[in-house]
Amino acid sequence: MLPQITGYTFTAICPVGMALAPRKREIHTDMIQTHALTRSYVTDEIETAALKNVSLEIEKGEFVAIMGPSGCGKTTLLNLLGLIDRPSSGSYDFSGILTEGLSENKMTRLRRGNMGFIFQNYNLVEELNVTENVELPLIFTGMHRKERRKRVQEILDRLKISHRATHYPRQLSGGQQQRVAFARSIVNRPMLLLADEPTGNLDSRNGALLLDLLNEYNRTGGTIVMVTHSLKDASYAHRILRLRDGIILN
């Protein structure tokens, strides 16, 4: 049975400034706007363009899947949208904030206060237990420990994994680790969730569970950008963007 997370409010904490058929969505203001976004890498005097002049708009509350062959620029685009990397040229406007020229500190605050991330390999800290892993984003915001633990307990309860609160990643199955990673990604109540092949290391049952959790997050108002190779996974999205050789085809 799908753990219900309805009622969990996903709002930005510190802004700077399960059907497979596609579902109808409400029209909101744009959360993401990019113009001619380009990312090039230089090695041994050879320049390679991983992303070329990408212009796109993603609205608040939208669920977008990014598809394309390996090496086409999907993860590069996700890293730019998540402010993990900077473009070589072009502009990126996040929720009305032009990110070009922001200092590293402002980029970090904008990312930590408004974005959550899910990775294929979970990226849990092996030395920390489940509670401590989920708590990490809240520590960075300066939230008091008592409030942090209350927030973590709430989300673990909602995701039906509180019985694993003191376990370490090595003591969890792949599906449990990815559920913990999902809890960590939303505990900060972000506006935007960025997922890079989130079901890539999961069996079909756990993959479907995670997609249902993403679907529920989206239904409560969260915006999702998900990189995937799977058409089945992409069918949960409102629309699909296809990349090839660093260029958006549609």
C-alpha atoms as a PDB file:
ATOM      1  CA  MET A   1       0.000   0.000   0.000  1.00  0.00           C
ATOM      2  CA  LEU A   2       1.310   3.447  -0.928  1.00  0.00           C
ATOM      3  CA  PRO A   3       2.455   5.454   2.111  1.00  0.00           C
ATOM      4  CA  GLN A   4       0.302   8.581   2.123  1.00  0.00           C
ATOM      5  CA  ILE A   5       2.184  11.873   2.232  1.00  0.00           C
ATOM      6  CA  THR A   6      -0.839  14.010   1.440  1.00  0.00           C
ATOM      7  CA  GLY A   7      -0.968  17.000   3.732  1.00  0.00           C
ATOM      8  CA  TYR A   8       2.791  17.409   3.941  1.00  0.00           C
ATOM      9  CA  THR A   9       3.323  21.004   2.861  1.00  0.00           C
ATOM     10  CA  PHE A  10       6.083  21.523   0.296  1.00  0.00           C
ATOM     11  CA  THR A  11       7.118  25.158   0.456  1.00  0.00           C
ATOM     12  CA  ALA A  12      10.444  26.906   0.204  1.00  0.00           C
ATOM     13  CA  ILE A  13      11.999  27.432   3.614  1.00  0.00           C
ATOM     14  CA  CYS A  14      14.467  30.170   2.773  1.00  0.00           C
ATOM     15  CA  PRO A  15      14.019  31.621  -0.726  1.00  0.00           C
ATOM     16  CA  VAL A  16      16.741  34.030  -1.684  1.00  0.00           C
ATOM     17  CA  GLY A  17      15.908  37.490  -2.745  1.00  0.00           C
ATOM     18  CA  MET A  18      -0.881   5.641  -9.441  1.00  0.00           C
ATOM     19  CA  ALA A  19      -1.970   5.778 -12.896  1.00  0.00           C
ATOM     20  CA  LEU A  20       0.611   5.502 -15.694  1.00  0.00           C
ATOM     21  CA  ALA A  21      -1.314   7.745 -18.089  1.00  0.00           C
ATOM     22  CA  PRO A  22      -0.184  11.395 -18.227  1.00  0.00           C
ATOM     23  CA  ARG A  23      -2.327  13.568 -15.975  1.00  0.00           C
ATOM     24  CA  LYS A  24      -3.809  17.004 -16.525  1.00  0.00           C
ATOM     25  CA  ARG A  25      -2.124  19.746 -14.545  1.00  0.00           C
ATOM     26  CA  GLU A  26      -3.022  23.181 -13.351  1.00  0.00           C
ATOM     27  CA  ILE A  27      -1.308  26.107 -15.051  1.00  0.00           C
ATOM     28  CA  HIS A  28       1.005  28.026 -12.742  1.00  0.00           C
ATOM     29  CA  THR A  29       3.757  30.574 -13.185  1.00  0.00           C
ATOM     30  CA  ASP A  30       7.116  29.408 -14.502  1.00  0.00           C
ATOM     31  CA  MET A  31       9.511  28.042 -11.921  1.00  0.00           C
ATOM     32  CA  ILE A  32      12.328  27.392 -14.392  1.00  0.00           C
ATOM     33  CA  GLN A  33      13.315  29.439 -17.417  1.00  0.00           C
ATOM     34  CA  THR A  34      16.538  28.895 -19.331  1.00  0.00           C
ATOM     35  CA  HIS A  35      17.778  30.725 -22.406  1.00  0.00           C
ATOM     36  CA  ALA A  36      20.524  29.355 -24.663  1.00  0.00           C
ATOM     37  CA  LEU A  37      22.017  27.370 -21.778  1.00  0.00           C
ATOM     38  CA  THR A  38      25.367  25.868 -22.813  1.00  0.00           C
ATOM     39  CA  ARG A  39      27.902  23.810 -20.889  1.00  0.00           C
ATOM     40  CA  SER A  40      31.306  22.981 -22.355  1.00  0.00           C
ATOM     41  CA  TYR A  41      34.232  21.089 -20.879  1.00  0.00           C
ATOM     42  CA  VAL A  42      37.869  21.554 -21.868  1.00  0.00           C
ATOM     43  CA  THR A  43      40.402  18.728 -21.489  1.00  0.00           C
ATOM     44  CA  ASP A  44      43.838  18.603 -23.104  1.00  0.00           C
ATOM     45  CA  GLU A  45      42.895  21.624 -25.191  1.00  0.00           C
ATOM     46  CA  ILE A  46      39.848  19.829 -26.593  1.00  0.00           C
ATOM     47  CA  GLU A  47      36.499  21.520 -25.965  1.00  0.00           C
ATOM     48  CA  THR A  48      33.400  19.346 -25.732  1.00  0.00           C
ATOM     49  CA  ALA A  49      29.909  20.839 -25.601  1.00  0.00           C
ATOM     50  CA  ALA A  50      27.793  18.684 -23.290  1.00  0.00           C
ATOM     51  CA  LEU A  51      24.787  21.012 -23.601  1.00  0.00           C
ATOM     52  CA  LYS A  52      24.041  23.370 -26.489  1.00  0.00           C
ATOM     53  CA  ASN A  53      21.761  26.409 -26.400  1.00  0.00           C
ATOM     54  CA  VAL A  54      19.016  24.831 -24.307  1.00  0.00           C
ATOM     55  CA  SER A  55      15.984  27.072 -23.824  1.00  0.00           C
ATOM     56  CA  LEU A  56      13.069  25.719 -21.819  1.00  0.00           C
ATOM     57  CA  GLU A  57      10.287  26.634 -19.404  1.00  0.00           C
ATOM     58  CA  ILE A  58       8.972  24.465 -16.581  1.00  0.00           C
ATOM     59  CA  GLU A  59       5.940  25.614 -14.640  1.00  0.00           C
ATOM     60  CA  LYS A  60       5.363  25.375 -10.912  1.00  0.00           C
ATOM     61  CA  GLY A  61       3.637  22.083 -10.120  1.00  0.00           C
ATOM     62  CA  GLU A  62       4.771  20.385 -13.323  1.00  0.00           C
ATOM     63  CA  PHE A  63       6.308  16.902 -13.568  1.00  0.00           C
ATOM     64  CA  VAL A  64       8.822  16.742 -16.433  1.00  0.00           C
ATOM     65  CA  ALA A  65      10.836  13.732 -17.592  1.00  0.00           C
ATOM     66  CA  ILE A  66      14.102  14.166 -19.498  1.00  0.00           C
ATOM     67  CA  MET A  67      15.013  11.289 -21.809  1.00  0.00           C
ATOM     68  CA  GLY A  68      17.791  10.523 -24.246  1.00  0.00           C
ATOM     69  CA  PRO A  69      20.736   8.179 -24.887  1.00  0.00           C
ATOM     70  CA  SER A  70      23.707   7.981 -22.534  1.00  0.00           C
ATOM     71  CA  GLY A  71      26.033  10.946 -22.905  1.00  0.00           C
ATOM     72  CA  CYS A  72      23.403  13.234 -24.435  1.00  0.00           C
ATOM     73  CA  GLY A  73      23.587  15.831 -21.627  1.00  0.00           C
ATOM     74  CA  LYS A  74      20.715  14.786 -19.331  1.00  0.00           C
ATOM     75  CA  THR A  75      22.692  14.802 -16.080  1.00  0.00           C
ATOM     76  CA  THR A  76      24.547  17.949 -17.146  1.00  0.00           C
ATOM     77  CA  LEU A  77      21.217  19.729 -17.557  1.00  0.00           C
ATOM     78  CA  LEU A  78      19.990  18.437 -14.201  1.00  0.00           C
ATOM     79  CA  ASN A  79      23.169  19.687 -12.495  1.00  0.00           C
ATOM     80  CA  LEU A  80      22.698  23.128 -14.002  1.00  0.00           C
ATOM     81  CA  LEU A  81      19.050  23.294 -12.944  1.00  0.00           C
ATOM     82  CA  GLY A  82      20.089  22.175  -9.445  1.00  0.00           C
ATOM     83  CA  LEU A  83      22.800  24.871  -9.221  1.00  0.00           C
ATOM     84  CA  ILE A  84      25.411  22.175  -8.707  1.00  0.00           C
ATOM     85  CA  ASP A  85      27.232  23.429 -11.785  1.00  0.00           C
ATOM     86  CA  ARG A  86      27.377  26.720 -13.692  1.00  0.00           C
ATOM     87  CA  PRO A  87      26.736  27.104 -17.427  1.00  0.00           C
ATOM     88  CA  SER A  88      29.457  28.180 -19.805  1.00  0.00           C
ATOM     89  CA  SER A  89      26.974  30.612 -21.331  1.00  0.00           C
ATOM     90  CA  GLY A  90      23.267  31.362 -21.351  1.00  0.00           C
ATOM     91  CA  SER A  91      20.924  32.267 -18.503  1.00  0.00           C
ATOM     92  CA  TYR A  92      18.872  30.437 -15.876  1.00  0.00           C
ATOM     93  CA  ASP A  93      15.990  32.039 -13.993  1.00  0.00           C
ATOM     94  CA  PHE A  94      14.746  30.051 -10.987  1.00  0.00           C
ATOM     95  CA  SER A  95      11.418  31.187  -9.528  1.00  0.00           C
ATOM     96  CA  GLY A  96      12.026  34.751 -10.627  1.00  0.00           C
ATOM     97  CA  ILE A  97      15.665  34.853  -9.529  1.00  0.00           C
ATOM     98  CA  LEU A  98      18.322  35.248 -12.222  1.00  0.00           C
ATOM     99  CA  THR A  99      21.105  32.910 -11.120  1.00  0.00           C
ATOM    100  CA  GLU A 100      23.792  34.346 -13.376  1.00  0.00           C
ATOM    101  CA  GLY A 101      26.385  36.153 -11.300  1.00  0.00           C
ATOM    102  CA  LEU A 102      25.218  34.852  -7.925  1.00  0.00           C
ATOM    103  CA  SER A 103      28.010  34.174  -5.446  1.00  0.00           C
ATOM    104  CA  GLU A 104      28.681  30.601  -4.333  1.00  0.00           C
ATOM    105  CA  ASN A 105      27.116  31.374  -0.950  1.00  0.00           C
ATOM    106  CA  LYS A 106      23.910  32.682  -2.532  1.00  0.00           C
ATOM    107  CA  MET A 107      23.801  29.729  -4.924  1.00  0.00           C
ATOM    108  CA  THR A 108      24.147  27.366  -1.969  1.00  0.00           C
ATOM    109  CA  ARG A 109      21.396  29.109   0.013  1.00  0.00           C
ATOM    110  CA  LEU A 110      19.074  29.103  -2.969  1.00  0.00           C
ATOM    111  CA  ARG A 111      19.717  25.410  -3.593  1.00  0.00           C
ATOM    112  CA  ARG A 112      19.421  24.307   0.052  1.00  0.00           C
ATOM    113  CA  GLY A 113      16.274  26.276   0.713  1.00  0.00           C
ATOM    114  CA  ASN A 114      14.329  25.325  -2.383  1.00  0.00           C
ATOM    115  CA  MET A 115      15.612  22.113  -3.988  1.00  0.00           C
ATOM    116  CA  GLY A 116      15.741  18.423  -3.171  1.00  0.00           C
ATOM    117  CA  PHE A 117      17.813  15.770  -4.946  1.00  0.00           C
ATOM    118  CA  ILE A 118      17.426  12.015  -5.520  1.00  0.00           C
ATOM    119  CA  PHE A 119      20.256  10.009  -7.088  1.00  0.00           C
ATOM    120  CA  GLN A 120      20.409   6.548  -8.626  1.00  0.00           C
ATOM    121  CA  ASN A 121      23.050   5.437  -6.116  1.00  0.00           C
ATOM    122  CA  TYR A 122      21.159   6.872  -3.111  1.00  0.00           C
ATOM    123  CA  ASN A 123      24.219   8.867  -1.889  1.00  0.00           C
ATOM    124  CA  LEU A 124      23.504   8.096   1.767  1.00  0.00           C
ATOM    125  CA  VAL A 125      26.298   8.712   4.278  1.00  0.00           C
ATOM    126  CA  GLU A 126      27.417   5.270   5.467  1.00  0.00           C
ATOM    127  CA  GLU A 127      28.569   6.549   8.870  1.00  0.00           C
ATOM    128  CA  LEU A 128      25.135   8.034   9.667  1.00  0.00           C
ATOM    129  CA  ASN A 129      21.956   6.176  10.557  1.00  0.00           C
ATOM    130  CA  VAL A 130      18.601   6.740   8.827  1.00  0.00           C
ATOM    131  CA  THR A 131      17.519   9.573  11.123  1.00  0.00           C
ATOM    132  CA  GLU A 132      20.859  11.349  10.772  1.00  0.00           C
ATOM    133  CA  ASN A 133      20.874  10.979   6.971  1.00  0.00           C
ATOM    134  CA  VAL A 134      17.391  12.441   6.616  1.00  0.00           C
ATOM    135  CA  GLU A 135      18.236  15.201   9.088  1.00  0.00           C
ATOM    136  CA  LEU A 136      21.256  16.490   7.129  1.00  0.00           C
ATOM    137  CA  PRO A 137      19.452  19.099   4.954  1.00  0.00           C
ATOM    138  CA  LEU A 138      17.815  20.574   8.062  1.00  0.00           C
ATOM    139  CA  ILE A 139      21.158  20.958   9.832  1.00  0.00           C
ATOM    140  CA  PHE A 140      22.361  23.144   6.971  1.00  0.00           C
ATOM    141  CA  THR A 141      19.391  25.484   7.486  1.00  0.00           C
ATOM    142  CA  GLY A 142      20.271  26.034  11.148  1.00  0.00           C
ATOM    143  CA  MET A 143      17.026  24.529  12.434  1.00  0.00           C
ATOM    144  CA  HIS A 144      17.008  23.683  16.158  1.00  0.00           C
ATOM    145  CA  ARG A 145      17.718  20.013  16.929  1.00  0.00           C
ATOM    146  CA  LYS A 146      14.353  19.392  18.599  1.00  0.00           C
ATOM    147  CA  GLU A 147      12.461  20.744  15.601  1.00  0.00           C
ATOM    148  CA  ARG A 148      14.732  18.818  13.220  1.00  0.00           C
ATOM    149  CA  ARG A 149      14.045  15.510  14.939  1.00  0.00           C
ATOM    150  CA  LYS A 150      10.311  16.205  14.995  1.00  0.00           C
ATOM    151  CA  ARG A 151      10.334  16.918  11.250  1.00  0.00           C
ATOM    152  CA  VAL A 152      12.383  13.784  10.514  1.00  0.00           C
ATOM    153  CA  GLN A 153      10.132  11.577  12.625  1.00  0.00           C
ATOM    154  CA  GLU A 154       7.095  12.926  10.813  1.00  0.00           C
ATOM    155  CA  ILE A 155       8.412  12.139   7.353  1.00  0.00           C
ATOM    156  CA  LEU A 156       9.725   8.695   8.373  1.00  0.00           C
ATOM    157  CA  ASP A 157       6.302   7.877   9.787  1.00  0.00           C
ATOM    158  CA  ARG A 158       4.604   9.015   6.595  1.00  0.00           C
ATOM    159  CA  LEU A 159       6.928   6.861   4.479  1.00  0.00           C
ATOM    160  CA  LYS A 160       6.479   3.827   6.753  1.00  0.00           C
ATOM    161  CA  ILE A 161      10.177   3.517   7.526  1.00  0.00           C
ATOM    162  CA  SER A 162      10.393   4.822  11.100  1.00  0.00           C
ATOM    163  CA  HIS A 163      11.145   1.270  12.306  1.00  0.00           C
ATOM    164  CA  ARG A 164      14.515   1.642  10.544  1.00  0.00           C
ATOM    165  CA  ALA A 165      15.337   5.018  12.133  1.00  0.00           C
ATOM    166  CA  THR A 166      18.491   3.795  13.931  1.00  0.00           C
ATOM    167  CA  HIS A 167      19.702   1.478  11.164  1.00  0.00           C
ATOM    168  CA  TYR A 168      22.664   2.297   8.926  1.00  0.00           C
ATOM    169  CA  PRO A 169      22.567   2.224   5.099  1.00  0.00           C
ATOM    170  CA  ARG A 170      24.433  -1.110   4.964  1.00  0.00           C
ATOM    171  CA  GLN A 171      21.622  -2.657   7.013  1.00  0.00           C
ATOM    172  CA  LEU A 172      18.935  -1.613   4.523  1.00  0.00           C
ATOM    173  CA  SER A 173      17.721  -3.101   1.265  1.00  0.00           C
ATOM    174  CA  GLY A 174      18.050  -1.086  -1.943  1.00  0.00           C
ATOM    175  CA  GLY A 175      14.374  -0.146  -1.800  1.00  0.00           C
ATOM    176  CA  GLN A 176      14.681   1.004   1.805  1.00  0.00           C
ATOM    177  CA  GLN A 177      17.786   3.054   1.012  1.00  0.00           C
ATOM    178  CA  GLN A 178      16.011   4.803  -1.844  1.00  0.00           C
ATOM    179  CA  ARG A 179      13.014   5.524   0.395  1.00  0.00           C
ATOM    180  CA  VAL A 180      15.397   7.095   2.932  1.00  0.00           C
ATOM    181  CA  ALA A 181      16.960   9.104   0.103  1.00  0.00           C
ATOM    182  CA  PHE A 182      13.468  10.280  -0.883  1.00  0.00           C
ATOM    183  CA  ALA A 183      12.739  11.269   2.726  1.00  0.00           C
ATOM    184  CA  ARG A 184      15.966  13.262   2.826  1.00  0.00           C
ATOM    185  CA  SER A 185      15.104  14.982  -0.443  1.00  0.00           C
ATOM    186  CA  ILE A 186      11.700  16.256   0.772  1.00  0.00           C
ATOM    187  CA  VAL A 187      12.328  16.843   4.500  1.00  0.00           C
ATOM    188  CA  ASN A 188      13.305  20.430   3.659  1.00  0.00           C
ATOM    189  CA  ARG A 189       9.910  20.884   1.970  1.00  0.00           C
ATOM    190  CA  PRO A 190      11.476  21.986  -1.329  1.00  0.00           C
ATOM    191  CA  MET A 191       9.658  23.606  -4.230  1.00  0.00           C
ATOM    192  CA  LEU A 192      11.691  21.625  -6.784  1.00  0.00           C
ATOM    193  CA  LEU A 193      12.724  17.966  -6.736  1.00  0.00           C
ATOM    194  CA  LEU A 194      15.461  16.833  -9.130  1.00  0.00           C
ATOM    195  CA  ALA A 195      15.749  13.075  -9.685  1.00  0.00           C
ATOM    196  CA  ASP A 196      18.567  11.413 -11.648  1.00  0.00           C
ATOM    197  CA  GLU A 197      17.574   7.861 -12.691  1.00  0.00           C
ATOM    198  CA  PRO A 198      15.898   7.333  -9.288  1.00  0.00           C
ATOM    199  CA  THR A 199      14.698   3.793 -10.080  1.00  0.00           C
ATOM    200  CA  GLY A 200      17.863   2.673 -11.870  1.00  0.00           C
ATOM    201  CA  ASN A 201      19.065   0.381  -9.062  1.00  0.00           C
ATOM    202  CA  LEU A 202      15.632  -0.825  -7.925  1.00  0.00           C
ATOM    203  CA  ASP A 203      13.603  -3.899  -8.800  1.00  0.00           C
ATOM    204  CA  SER A 204      10.226  -3.361 -10.446  1.00  0.00           C
ATOM    205  CA  ARG A 205       8.261  -3.420  -7.177  1.00  0.00           C
ATOM    206  CA  ASN A 206      10.439  -0.880  -5.378  1.00  0.00           C
ATOM    207  CA  GLY A 207      10.737   1.192  -8.535  1.00  0.00           C
ATOM    208  CA  ALA A 208       6.943   1.435  -8.761  1.00  0.00           C
ATOM    209  CA  LEU A 209       6.751   2.396  -5.067  1.00  0.00           C
ATOM    210  CA  LEU A 210       9.237   5.223  -5.547  1.00  0.00           C
ATOM    211  CA  LEU A 211       7.377   6.511  -8.601  1.00  0.00           C
ATOM    212  CA  ASP A 212       4.164   6.500  -6.599  1.00  0.00           C
ATOM    213  CA  LEU A 213       5.910   8.569  -3.919  1.00  0.00           C
ATOM    214  CA  LEU A 214       7.101  11.031  -6.573  1.00  0.00           C
ATOM    215  CA  ASN A 215       3.595  11.145  -7.975  1.00  0.00           C
ATOM    216  CA  GLU A 216       2.146  11.931  -4.544  1.00  0.00           C
ATOM    217  CA  TYR A 217       4.750  14.646  -3.957  1.00  0.00           C
ATOM    218  CA  ASN A 218       3.774  16.190  -7.281  1.00  0.00           C
ATOM    219  CA  ARG A 219       0.065  16.045  -6.429  1.00  0.00           C
ATOM    220  CA  THR A 220       0.725  18.068  -3.271  1.00  0.00           C
ATOM    221  CA  GLY A 221       2.214  20.860  -5.391  1.00  0.00           C
ATOM    222  CA  GLY A 222       5.869  19.905  -5.779  1.00  0.00           C
ATOM    223  CA  THR A 223       7.646  20.388  -9.099  1.00  0.00           C
ATOM    224  CA  ILE A 224       9.702  17.462 -10.445  1.00  0.00           C
ATOM    225  CA  VAL A 225      12.374  17.181 -13.110  1.00  0.00           C
ATOM    226  CA  MET A 226      13.394  13.540 -13.569  1.00  0.00           C
ATOM    227  CA  VAL A 227      16.093  12.059 -15.783  1.00  0.00           C
ATOM    228  CA  THR A 228      15.213   8.543 -16.916  1.00  0.00           C
ATOM    229  CA  HIS A 229      15.842   5.925 -19.619  1.00  0.00           C
ATOM    230  CA  SER A 230      12.517   4.247 -18.887  1.00  0.00           C
ATOM    231  CA  LEU A 231       9.384   5.048 -20.885  1.00  0.00           C
ATOM    232  CA  LYS A 232       7.325   3.518 -18.097  1.00  0.00           C
ATOM    233  CA  ASP A 233       8.872   5.878 -15.549  1.00  0.00           C
ATOM    234  CA  ALA A 234       8.485   8.813 -17.927  1.00  0.00           C
ATOM    235  CA  SER A 235       4.772   8.059 -18.326  1.00  0.00           C
ATOM    236  CA  TYR A 236       4.220   9.414 -14.801  1.00  0.00           C
ATOM    237  CA  ALA A 237       5.275  12.856 -16.050  1.00  0.00           C
ATOM    238  CA  HIS A 238       3.109  15.554 -17.592  1.00  0.00           C
ATOM    239  CA  ARG A 239       5.490  15.830 -20.524  1.00  0.00           C
ATOM    240  CA  ILE A 240       8.789  14.479 -21.826  1.00  0.00           C
ATOM    241  CA  LEU A 241      11.798  16.467 -23.016  1.00  0.00           C
ATOM    242  CA  ARG A 242      14.073  14.515 -25.348  1.00  0.00           C
ATOM    243  CA  LEU A 243      17.780  15.308 -25.541  1.00  0.00           C
ATOM    244  CA  ARG A 244      20.287  14.227 -28.155  1.00  0.00           C
ATOM    245  CA  ASP A 245      23.874  15.463 -28.460  1.00  0.00           C
ATOM    246  CA  GLY A 246      23.170  18.229 -25.948  1.00  0.00           C
ATOM    247  CA  ILE A 247      20.184  19.599 -27.868  1.00  0.00           C
ATOM    248  CA  ILE A 248      16.479  19.449 -26.958  1.00  0.00           C
ATOM    249  CA  LEU A 249      14.616  17.788 -29.846  1.00  0.00           C
ATOM    250  CA  ASN A 250      11.077  18.760 -28.830  1.00  0.00           C
END
